[in-house]
Amino acid sequence: MADFTALAAELRRNGLSLVVDFVFNHTSNEHAWAKGALARDPLYDDFYLIFDDRAMPDRYELTTREIFPDDHRARSCRSPTGGRCGRRSTRSRGT
């Protein structure tokens, strides 16, 4: 942490700002957690909300703004069985 603090201070002295972006609410559909959830592995099943179709995710997305409209059109992925998946919130399934 001391190195990081020193780097930030040195950048500031040179007129630059250090910006760190942590994206905690995204995982790749190739990540072990997503693969496990799509396979209904009990260890990972509660990590995500899995939908049979786009109805519920589409209703939710009507209430949110698009962060990268030209780059990332969807906030969910297609499962190998044709369903949809999205990163799980702290809610339990069915609520």
Protein backbone atom coordinates (compact mmCIF):
# COMPACT_ATOMS: atom_id res chain seq x y z
CA MET A 1 0.00 0.00 0.00
CA ALA A 2 2.90 2.33 0.67
CA ASP A 3 4.04 1.93 -2.96
CA PHE A 4 0.55 2.73 -4.19
CA THR A 5 0.34 5.83 -1.97
CA ALA A 6 3.77 6.98 -3.17
CA LEU A 7 2.74 6.49 -6.80
CA ALA A 8 -0.45 8.51 -6.29
CA ALA A 9 1.51 11.29 -4.59
CA GLU A 10 4.13 11.37 -7.37
CA LEU A 11 1.45 11.50 -10.04
CA ARG A 12 -0.32 14.35 -8.19
CA ARG A 13 2.94 16.30 -7.97
CA ASN A 14 3.13 15.99 -11.75
CA GLY A 15 -0.43 17.18 -12.28
CA LEU A 16 -1.98 13.77 -12.83
CA SER A 17 -4.76 11.99 -10.98
CA LEU A 18 -4.75 8.26 -10.39
CA VAL A 19 -8.10 6.65 -11.13
CA VAL A 20 -8.77 3.09 -10.00
CA ASP A 21 -11.87 1.33 -11.25
CA PHE A 22 -13.11 -1.74 -9.42
CA VAL A 23 -15.89 -3.63 -11.18
CA PHE A 24 -17.28 -5.97 -8.55
CA ASN A 25 -20.64 -6.67 -10.14
CA HIS A 26 -19.49 -8.33 -13.36
CA THR A 27 -18.14 -11.75 -14.20
CA SER A 28 -17.44 -13.33 -17.55
CA ASN A 29 -19.66 -16.16 -18.69
CA GLU A 30 -16.37 -18.07 -18.97
CA HIS A 31 -15.58 -17.60 -15.27
CA ALA A 32 -15.75 -20.72 -13.07
CA TRP A 33 -18.55 -19.16 -10.97
CA ALA A 34 -20.75 -18.51 -14.01
CA LYS A 35 -20.05 -21.94 -15.48
CA GLY A 36 -20.86 -23.56 -12.15
CA ALA A 37 -24.11 -21.63 -11.78
CA LEU A 38 -25.20 -22.45 -15.32
CA ALA A 39 -24.47 -26.12 -14.61
CA ARG A 40 -26.61 -25.78 -11.44
CA ASP A 41 -23.66 -26.67 -9.22
CA PRO A 42 -25.00 -26.08 -5.68
CA LEU A 43 -21.73 -24.36 -4.76
CA TYR A 44 -22.35 -21.59 -7.33
CA ASP A 45 -26.09 -21.72 -7.94
CA ASP A 46 -26.79 -18.97 -5.42
CA PHE A 47 -24.20 -16.61 -6.98
CA TYR A 48 -26.49 -15.61 -9.88
CA LEU A 49 -30.10 -15.16 -10.85
CA ILE A 50 -30.94 -17.52 -13.73
CA PHE A 51 -33.93 -16.68 -15.94
CA ASP A 52 -35.77 -18.92 -18.37
CA ASP A 53 -36.38 -16.00 -20.74
CA ARG A 54 -35.73 -12.25 -21.12
CA ALA A 55 -39.03 -11.01 -19.58
CA MET A 56 -37.84 -10.17 -16.07
CA PRO A 57 -34.33 -8.90 -17.01
CA ASP A 58 -35.86 -6.72 -19.72
CA ARG A 59 -38.33 -5.17 -17.24
CA TYR A 60 -35.47 -4.46 -14.83
CA GLU A 61 -33.27 -2.94 -17.53
CA LEU A 62 -36.01 -0.42 -18.32
CA THR A 63 -35.24 1.13 -14.91
CA THR A 64 -31.47 1.44 -15.38
CA ARG A 65 -29.29 3.59 -17.61
CA GLU A 66 -26.95 2.07 -20.19
CA ILE A 67 -23.33 2.73 -19.19
CA PHE A 68 -21.67 1.73 -22.48
CA PRO A 69 -24.50 1.83 -25.03
CA ASP A 70 -22.20 1.46 -28.04
CA ASP A 71 -20.07 -1.33 -26.61
CA HIS A 72 -22.14 -3.55 -24.31
CA ARG A 73 -25.79 -3.83 -25.24
CA ALA A 74 -26.78 -6.58 -22.79
CA ARG A 75 -26.31 -6.96 -19.06
CA SER A 76 -26.96 -10.68 -19.13
CA CYS A 77 -25.69 -13.72 -20.98
CA ARG A 78 -27.29 -16.62 -22.80
CA SER A 79 -26.92 -19.96 -21.10
CA PRO A 80 -26.09 -23.10 -23.11
CA THR A 81 -29.69 -24.27 -22.60
CA GLY A 82 -31.09 -21.09 -24.12
CA GLY A 83 -32.03 -19.34 -20.86
CA ARG A 84 -30.59 -16.08 -19.64
CA CYS A 85 -28.37 -15.33 -16.67
CA GLY A 86 -27.37 -12.21 -14.80
CA ARG A 87 -25.09 -11.39 -11.88
CA ARG A 88 -26.85 -12.23 -8.64
CA SER A 89 -27.72 -9.60 -6.10
CA THR A 90 -28.09 -10.33 -2.41
CA ARG A 91 -31.73 -11.38 -2.92
CA SER A 92 -32.65 -15.02 -2.64
CA ARG A 93 -34.11 -16.89 -5.61
CA GLY A 94 -37.79 -16.28 -6.14
CA THR A 95 -37.93 -12.85 -4.50
